[in-house]
Amino acid sequence: MRTSVGIVLVSHSPLLGAGVRELVEQLGGGAVAVAVAAGTEDGGIGTSYELIAEGVRQVDGGAGVVLLPDLGSSVLTTRAVLADLERPEVVLVDAPFVEGAVAAVVTASTGASLTEVVRSAQEAWQAHKF
């Protein structure tokens, strides 16, 4: 059995994170581990170092981990986690939150490498709706 790249959705909103996870899990056919690190420990709006670190632990199956932040402090908090982890196979990706998550999960579900999953998420910036 091949392990896929894991995905962590980092959002300020628990509802937003859960909604994107619901969408991408269906598109990934259950083949990709997806964690949500959204909001604060008490369920409020914000970001949490602890939830992000736990999300990485949950989805790390050995093929790498992609972290997709929504905006602002989610990037800063994720960078703090990565600085402490010092693991090159755990990558923060600059991509649109929803489209990047979809691209990353669909690509990861094919067994693609970490580099390919990162590139796919980044290329989501070019996706046009019409």
N, C-alpha and C. Protein backbone atom coordinates (compact mmCIF):
# COMPACT_ATOMS: atom_id res chain seq x y z
N MET A 1 0.85 -1.19 0.00
CA MET A 1 0.00 0.00 0.00
C MET A 1 0.88 1.24 0.00
N ARG A 2 0.60 2.15 -0.88
CA ARG A 2 1.38 3.37 -1.00
C ARG A 2 0.77 4.46 -0.13
N THR A 3 1.63 5.16 0.61
CA THR A 3 1.17 6.25 1.47
C THR A 3 1.17 7.54 0.68
N SER A 4 0.09 8.30 0.78
CA SER A 4 0.01 9.56 0.06
C SER A 4 0.51 10.71 0.93
N VAL A 5 0.79 11.81 0.27
CA VAL A 5 1.11 13.06 0.96
C VAL A 5 -0.10 13.46 1.79
N GLY A 6 0.15 13.87 3.03
CA GLY A 6 -0.93 14.33 3.90
C GLY A 6 -1.17 15.82 3.73
N ILE A 7 -2.37 16.26 4.03
CA ILE A 7 -2.75 17.66 3.87
C ILE A 7 -3.29 18.19 5.19
N VAL A 8 -2.82 19.39 5.58
CA VAL A 8 -3.36 20.08 6.75
C VAL A 8 -3.97 21.40 6.28
N LEU A 9 -5.24 21.58 6.56
CA LEU A 9 -5.94 22.82 6.23
C LEU A 9 -5.88 23.73 7.45
N VAL A 10 -5.21 24.86 7.30
CA VAL A 10 -5.02 25.80 8.41
C VAL A 10 -5.92 27.02 8.16
N SER A 11 -6.93 27.15 9.00
CA SER A 11 -7.90 28.23 8.82
C SER A 11 -8.19 28.92 10.14
N HIS A 12 -8.63 30.15 10.04
CA HIS A 12 -9.10 30.88 11.22
C HIS A 12 -10.45 30.37 11.70
N SER A 13 -11.21 29.78 10.82
CA SER A 13 -12.58 29.39 11.12
C SER A 13 -12.75 27.87 11.15
N PRO A 14 -13.18 27.32 12.27
CA PRO A 14 -13.45 25.89 12.31
C PRO A 14 -14.49 25.46 11.26
N LEU A 15 -15.48 26.30 11.02
CA LEU A 15 -16.51 25.95 10.03
C LEU A 15 -15.94 25.95 8.62
N LEU A 16 -15.13 26.94 8.29
CA LEU A 16 -14.51 26.99 6.97
C LEU A 16 -13.61 25.78 6.77
N GLY A 17 -12.77 25.51 7.75
CA GLY A 17 -11.87 24.35 7.64
C GLY A 17 -12.64 23.05 7.46
N ALA A 18 -13.69 22.86 8.25
CA ALA A 18 -14.49 21.64 8.15
C ALA A 18 -15.18 21.53 6.80
N GLY A 19 -15.66 22.65 6.28
CA GLY A 19 -16.33 22.63 4.98
C GLY A 19 -15.39 22.27 3.85
N VAL A 20 -14.20 22.83 3.86
CA VAL A 20 -13.22 22.50 2.82
C VAL A 20 -12.80 21.04 2.95
N ARG A 21 -12.63 20.58 4.18
CA ARG A 21 -12.27 19.17 4.38
C ARG A 21 -13.36 18.26 3.83
N GLU A 22 -14.62 18.57 4.10
CA GLU A 22 -15.73 17.76 3.59
C GLU A 22 -15.67 17.65 2.07
N LEU A 23 -15.42 18.76 1.42
CA LEU A 23 -15.33 18.79 -0.04
C LEU A 23 -14.17 17.95 -0.55
N VAL A 24 -12.96 18.20 -0.02
CA VAL A 24 -11.79 17.53 -0.57
C VAL A 24 -11.73 16.05 -0.24
N GLU A 25 -12.30 15.66 0.90
CA GLU A 25 -12.31 14.23 1.22
C GLU A 25 -13.15 13.45 0.22
N GLN A 26 -14.23 14.03 -0.26
CA GLN A 26 -15.04 13.36 -1.28
C GLN A 26 -14.28 13.28 -2.59
N LEU A 27 -13.60 14.36 -2.96
CA LEU A 27 -12.86 14.39 -4.22
C LEU A 27 -11.65 13.47 -4.19
N GLY A 28 -11.06 13.29 -3.00
CA GLY A 28 -9.89 12.42 -2.87
C GLY A 28 -10.24 10.96 -2.69
N GLY A 29 -11.51 10.66 -2.60
CA GLY A 29 -11.94 9.28 -2.49
C GLY A 29 -11.46 8.57 -1.23
N GLY A 30 -11.13 9.34 -0.20
CA GLY A 30 -10.68 8.74 1.04
C GLY A 30 -9.24 8.25 1.01
N ALA A 31 -8.52 8.53 -0.07
CA ALA A 31 -7.15 8.05 -0.22
C ALA A 31 -6.11 8.95 0.43
N VAL A 32 -6.53 10.14 0.89
CA VAL A 32 -5.58 11.12 1.41
C VAL A 32 -5.98 11.51 2.83
N ALA A 33 -4.99 11.51 3.72
CA ALA A 33 -5.24 11.97 5.09
C ALA A 33 -5.31 13.49 5.09
N VAL A 34 -6.43 14.02 5.56
CA VAL A 34 -6.65 15.47 5.62
C VAL A 34 -7.00 15.84 7.06
N ALA A 35 -6.24 16.78 7.61
CA ALA A 35 -6.52 17.28 8.96
C ALA A 35 -6.93 18.74 8.87
N VAL A 36 -7.74 19.15 9.83
CA VAL A 36 -8.14 20.55 9.94
C VAL A 36 -7.54 21.12 11.21
N ALA A 37 -6.77 22.18 11.04
CA ALA A 37 -6.22 22.95 12.17
C ALA A 37 -6.85 24.32 12.06
N ALA A 38 -8.05 24.45 12.59
CA ALA A 38 -8.83 25.66 12.36
C ALA A 38 -9.38 26.21 13.66
N GLY A 39 -9.20 27.50 13.82
CA GLY A 39 -9.69 28.15 15.02
C GLY A 39 -8.77 27.93 16.20
N THR A 40 -9.29 28.25 17.36
CA THR A 40 -8.53 28.10 18.60
C THR A 40 -8.94 26.81 19.30
N GLU A 41 -8.23 26.46 20.35
CA GLU A 41 -8.53 25.24 21.08
C GLU A 41 -9.95 25.22 21.63
N ASP A 42 -10.49 26.39 21.94
CA ASP A 42 -11.85 26.44 22.48
C ASP A 42 -12.91 26.67 21.41
N GLY A 43 -12.52 26.53 20.13
CA GLY A 43 -13.48 26.62 19.04
C GLY A 43 -13.73 28.01 18.50
N GLY A 44 -12.99 29.01 18.98
CA GLY A 44 -13.16 30.38 18.51
C GLY A 44 -12.43 30.63 17.20
N ILE A 45 -12.59 31.83 16.70
CA ILE A 45 -11.90 32.26 15.48
C ILE A 45 -10.45 32.59 15.84
N GLY A 46 -9.53 32.12 15.02
CA GLY A 46 -8.11 32.37 15.25
C GLY A 46 -7.29 31.21 14.74
N THR A 47 -6.02 31.19 15.11
CA THR A 47 -5.16 30.08 14.72
C THR A 47 -4.43 29.56 15.96
N SER A 48 -4.05 28.31 15.91
CA SER A 48 -3.46 27.66 17.06
C SER A 48 -2.22 26.87 16.67
N TYR A 49 -1.10 27.21 17.28
CA TYR A 49 0.14 26.47 17.10
C TYR A 49 -0.09 24.98 17.40
N GLU A 50 -0.73 24.69 18.51
CA GLU A 50 -0.95 23.32 18.94
C GLU A 50 -1.81 22.54 17.95
N LEU A 51 -2.87 23.15 17.43
CA LEU A 51 -3.72 22.45 16.47
C LEU A 51 -2.98 22.19 15.16
N ILE A 52 -2.14 23.11 14.75
CA ILE A 52 -1.37 22.90 13.52
C ILE A 52 -0.37 21.77 13.71
N ALA A 53 0.37 21.78 14.82
CA ALA A 53 1.34 20.72 15.10
C ALA A 53 0.65 19.37 15.18
N GLU A 54 -0.51 19.31 15.82
CA GLU A 54 -1.26 18.06 15.91
C GLU A 54 -1.75 17.62 14.54
N GLY A 55 -2.17 18.55 13.70
CA GLY A 55 -2.59 18.22 12.34
C GLY A 55 -1.48 17.56 11.55
N VAL A 56 -0.26 18.09 11.68
CA VAL A 56 0.90 17.49 11.00
C VAL A 56 1.08 16.06 11.49
N ARG A 57 1.04 15.85 12.78
CA ARG A 57 1.21 14.50 13.34
C ARG A 57 0.12 13.54 12.81
N GLN A 58 -1.09 14.04 12.71
CA GLN A 58 -2.20 13.18 12.28
C GLN A 58 -2.05 12.68 10.85
N VAL A 59 -1.55 13.52 9.95
CA VAL A 59 -1.54 13.15 8.53
C VAL A 59 -0.19 12.68 8.02
N ASP A 60 0.82 12.71 8.86
CA ASP A 60 2.18 12.35 8.42
C ASP A 60 2.32 10.84 8.32
N GLY A 61 2.22 10.35 7.10
CA GLY A 61 2.38 8.93 6.84
C GLY A 61 3.72 8.59 6.24
N GLY A 62 4.60 9.59 6.13
CA GLY A 62 5.93 9.34 5.61
C GLY A 62 6.19 9.86 4.20
N ALA A 63 5.16 10.28 3.49
CA ALA A 63 5.33 10.77 2.12
C ALA A 63 5.42 12.29 2.07
N GLY A 64 5.33 12.95 3.21
CA GLY A 64 5.36 14.40 3.27
C GLY A 64 4.02 14.96 3.67
N VAL A 65 4.05 16.23 4.05
CA VAL A 65 2.85 16.92 4.49
C VAL A 65 2.81 18.31 3.85
N VAL A 66 1.66 18.67 3.32
CA VAL A 66 1.41 19.99 2.77
C VAL A 66 0.49 20.74 3.72
N LEU A 67 0.88 21.95 4.08
CA LEU A 67 0.04 22.81 4.91
C LEU A 67 -0.49 23.94 4.05
N LEU A 68 -1.80 24.09 4.05
CA LEU A 68 -2.47 25.12 3.25
C LEU A 68 -3.17 26.09 4.19
N PRO A 69 -2.67 27.33 4.31
CA PRO A 69 -3.29 28.32 5.20
C PRO A 69 -4.33 29.14 4.47
N ASP A 70 -5.28 29.70 5.23
CA ASP A 70 -6.26 30.56 4.58
C ASP A 70 -5.70 31.97 4.38
N LEU A 71 -5.29 32.66 5.45
CA LEU A 71 -4.76 34.01 5.28
C LEU A 71 -4.08 34.51 6.55
N GLY A 72 -3.37 35.61 6.43
CA GLY A 72 -2.82 36.36 7.57
C GLY A 72 -2.07 35.55 8.60
N SER A 73 -2.58 35.55 9.82
CA SER A 73 -1.86 34.93 10.93
C SER A 73 -1.79 33.41 10.82
N SER A 74 -2.61 32.81 9.97
CA SER A 74 -2.47 31.36 9.79
C SER A 74 -1.12 31.05 9.16
N VAL A 75 -0.65 31.94 8.30
CA VAL A 75 0.68 31.78 7.70
C VAL A 75 1.75 31.95 8.77
N LEU A 76 1.64 32.98 9.58
CA LEU A 76 2.64 33.25 10.61
C LEU A 76 2.70 32.12 11.64
N THR A 77 1.54 31.64 12.07
CA THR A 77 1.51 30.57 13.05
C THR A 77 2.07 29.27 12.46
N THR A 78 1.74 28.99 11.23
CA THR A 78 2.27 27.79 10.57
C THR A 78 3.78 27.89 10.42
N ARG A 79 4.29 29.06 10.09
CA ARG A 79 5.75 29.22 9.99
C ARG A 79 6.43 28.96 11.32
N ALA A 80 5.81 29.35 12.41
CA ALA A 80 6.38 29.09 13.74
C ALA A 80 6.45 27.59 14.00
N VAL A 81 5.41 26.86 13.63
CA VAL A 81 5.41 25.41 13.80
C VAL A 81 6.52 24.79 12.95
N LEU A 82 6.63 25.22 11.72
CA LEU A 82 7.66 24.66 10.83
C LEU A 82 9.07 24.96 11.31
N ALA A 83 9.27 26.13 11.87
CA ALA A 83 10.59 26.48 12.39
C ALA A 83 10.99 25.54 13.51
N ASP A 84 10.03 25.13 14.32
CA ASP A 84 10.32 24.21 15.41
C ASP A 84 10.48 22.77 14.93
N LEU A 85 9.74 22.39 13.89
CA LEU A 85 9.83 21.03 13.37
C LEU A 85 11.14 20.78 12.62
N GLU A 86 11.56 21.78 11.85
CA GLU A 86 12.77 21.66 11.02
C GLU A 86 12.77 20.38 10.19
N ARG A 87 11.68 20.18 9.45
CA ARG A 87 11.54 18.99 8.60
C ARG A 87 11.22 19.44 7.17
N PRO A 88 12.14 19.20 6.24
CA PRO A 88 11.93 19.67 4.86
C PRO A 88 10.76 19.00 4.16
N GLU A 89 10.29 17.87 4.66
CA GLU A 89 9.17 17.18 4.01
C GLU A 89 7.82 17.65 4.53
N VAL A 90 7.82 18.69 5.35
CA VAL A 90 6.59 19.34 5.81
C VAL A 90 6.63 20.76 5.26
N VAL A 91 5.72 21.06 4.33
CA VAL A 91 5.84 22.24 3.49
C VAL A 91 4.61 23.15 3.60
N LEU A 92 4.85 24.43 3.82
CA LEU A 92 3.81 25.46 3.76
C LEU A 92 3.69 25.89 2.31
N VAL A 93 2.47 25.88 1.79
CA VAL A 93 2.25 26.16 0.37
C VAL A 93 1.41 27.42 0.20
N ASP A 94 1.88 28.32 -0.65
CA ASP A 94 1.15 29.53 -1.01
C ASP A 94 0.21 29.18 -2.15
N ALA A 95 -1.05 29.02 -1.82
CA ALA A 95 -2.07 28.63 -2.81
C ALA A 95 -3.41 29.15 -2.32
N PRO A 96 -4.37 29.33 -3.23
CA PRO A 96 -5.72 29.69 -2.78
C PRO A 96 -6.26 28.56 -1.92
N PHE A 97 -6.94 28.90 -0.86
CA PHE A 97 -7.32 27.91 0.15
C PHE A 97 -8.19 26.78 -0.42
N VAL A 98 -9.30 27.11 -1.03
CA VAL A 98 -10.21 26.06 -1.52
C VAL A 98 -9.63 25.39 -2.76
N GLU A 99 -9.29 26.15 -3.76
CA GLU A 99 -8.79 25.59 -5.01
C GLU A 99 -7.48 24.84 -4.80
N GLY A 100 -6.60 25.38 -3.96
CA GLY A 100 -5.34 24.73 -3.66
C GLY A 100 -5.54 23.42 -2.94
N ALA A 101 -6.49 23.40 -2.01
CA ALA A 101 -6.79 22.17 -1.28
C ALA A 101 -7.34 21.10 -2.23
N VAL A 102 -8.24 21.50 -3.10
CA VAL A 102 -8.79 20.55 -4.08
C VAL A 102 -7.67 19.99 -4.94
N ALA A 103 -6.84 20.86 -5.49
CA ALA A 103 -5.75 20.41 -6.36
C ALA A 103 -4.78 19.50 -5.61
N ALA A 104 -4.44 19.87 -4.39
CA ALA A 104 -3.49 19.08 -3.61
C ALA A 104 -4.04 17.69 -3.30
N VAL A 105 -5.27 17.62 -2.86
CA VAL A 105 -5.85 16.33 -2.50
C VAL A 105 -6.05 15.44 -3.72
N VAL A 106 -6.54 16.00 -4.79
CA VAL A 106 -6.74 15.19 -6.00
C VAL A 106 -5.39 14.66 -6.49
N THR A 107 -4.38 15.50 -6.49
CA THR A 107 -3.06 15.06 -6.94
C THR A 107 -2.48 14.04 -5.98
N ALA A 108 -2.58 14.28 -4.68
CA ALA A 108 -2.06 13.32 -3.70
C ALA A 108 -2.77 11.98 -3.81
N SER A 109 -4.04 11.98 -4.17
CA SER A 109 -4.80 10.73 -4.26
C SER A 109 -4.28 9.82 -5.37
N THR A 110 -3.51 10.37 -6.29
CA THR A 110 -2.93 9.56 -7.37
C THR A 110 -1.61 8.93 -6.96
N GLY A 111 -1.14 9.24 -5.74
CA GLY A 111 0.14 8.73 -5.29
C GLY A 111 1.31 9.62 -5.70
N ALA A 112 1.01 10.83 -6.12
CA ALA A 112 2.04 11.78 -6.56
C ALA A 112 3.00 12.11 -5.43
N SER A 113 4.18 12.57 -5.81
CA SER A 113 5.20 12.95 -4.85
C SER A 113 4.85 14.27 -4.16
N LEU A 114 5.56 14.57 -3.09
CA LEU A 114 5.38 15.84 -2.39
C LEU A 114 5.58 17.01 -3.34
N THR A 115 6.61 16.97 -4.15
CA THR A 115 6.90 18.04 -5.10
C THR A 115 5.73 18.25 -6.06
N GLU A 116 5.16 17.17 -6.54
CA GLU A 116 4.03 17.27 -7.47
C GLU A 116 2.79 17.82 -6.79
N VAL A 117 2.55 17.43 -5.55
CA VAL A 117 1.38 17.92 -4.81
C VAL A 117 1.53 19.42 -4.54
N VAL A 118 2.73 19.84 -4.15
CA VAL A 118 2.99 21.26 -3.92
C VAL A 118 2.75 22.05 -5.20
N ARG A 119 3.32 21.58 -6.29
CA ARG A 119 3.18 22.28 -7.58
C ARG A 119 1.72 22.37 -7.99
N SER A 120 0.98 21.31 -7.82
CA SER A 120 -0.44 21.31 -8.18
C SER A 120 -1.22 22.34 -7.39
N ALA A 121 -0.97 22.40 -6.08
CA ALA A 121 -1.65 23.40 -5.24
C ALA A 121 -1.28 24.81 -5.68
N GLN A 122 -0.01 25.06 -5.95
CA GLN A 122 0.43 26.38 -6.38
C GLN A 122 -0.17 26.77 -7.72
N GLU A 123 -0.31 25.82 -8.61
CA GLU A 123 -0.89 26.10 -9.93
C GLU A 123 -2.37 26.46 -9.85
N ALA A 124 -2.98 26.19 -8.71
CA ALA A 124 -4.40 26.55 -8.55
C ALA A 124 -4.61 28.06 -8.63
N TRP A 125 -3.54 28.84 -8.43
CA TRP A 125 -3.66 30.30 -8.62
C TRP A 125 -4.12 30.63 -10.04
N GLN A 126 -3.86 29.73 -10.99
CA GLN A 126 -4.17 29.99 -12.39
C GLN A 126 -5.57 29.50 -12.77
N ALA A 127 -6.28 28.87 -11.86
CA ALA A 127 -7.59 28.32 -12.17
C ALA A 127 -8.61 29.45 -12.33
N HIS A 128 -9.29 29.43 -13.44
CA HIS A 128 -10.34 30.41 -13.70
C HIS A 128 -11.70 29.76 -13.52
N LYS A 129 -12.63 30.50 -12.99
CA LYS A 129 -13.98 29.98 -12.81
C LYS A 129 -14.83 30.12 -14.07
N PHE A 130 -14.50 31.09 -14.90
CA PHE A 130 -15.20 31.26 -16.17
C PHE A 130 -14.33 32.03 -17.12
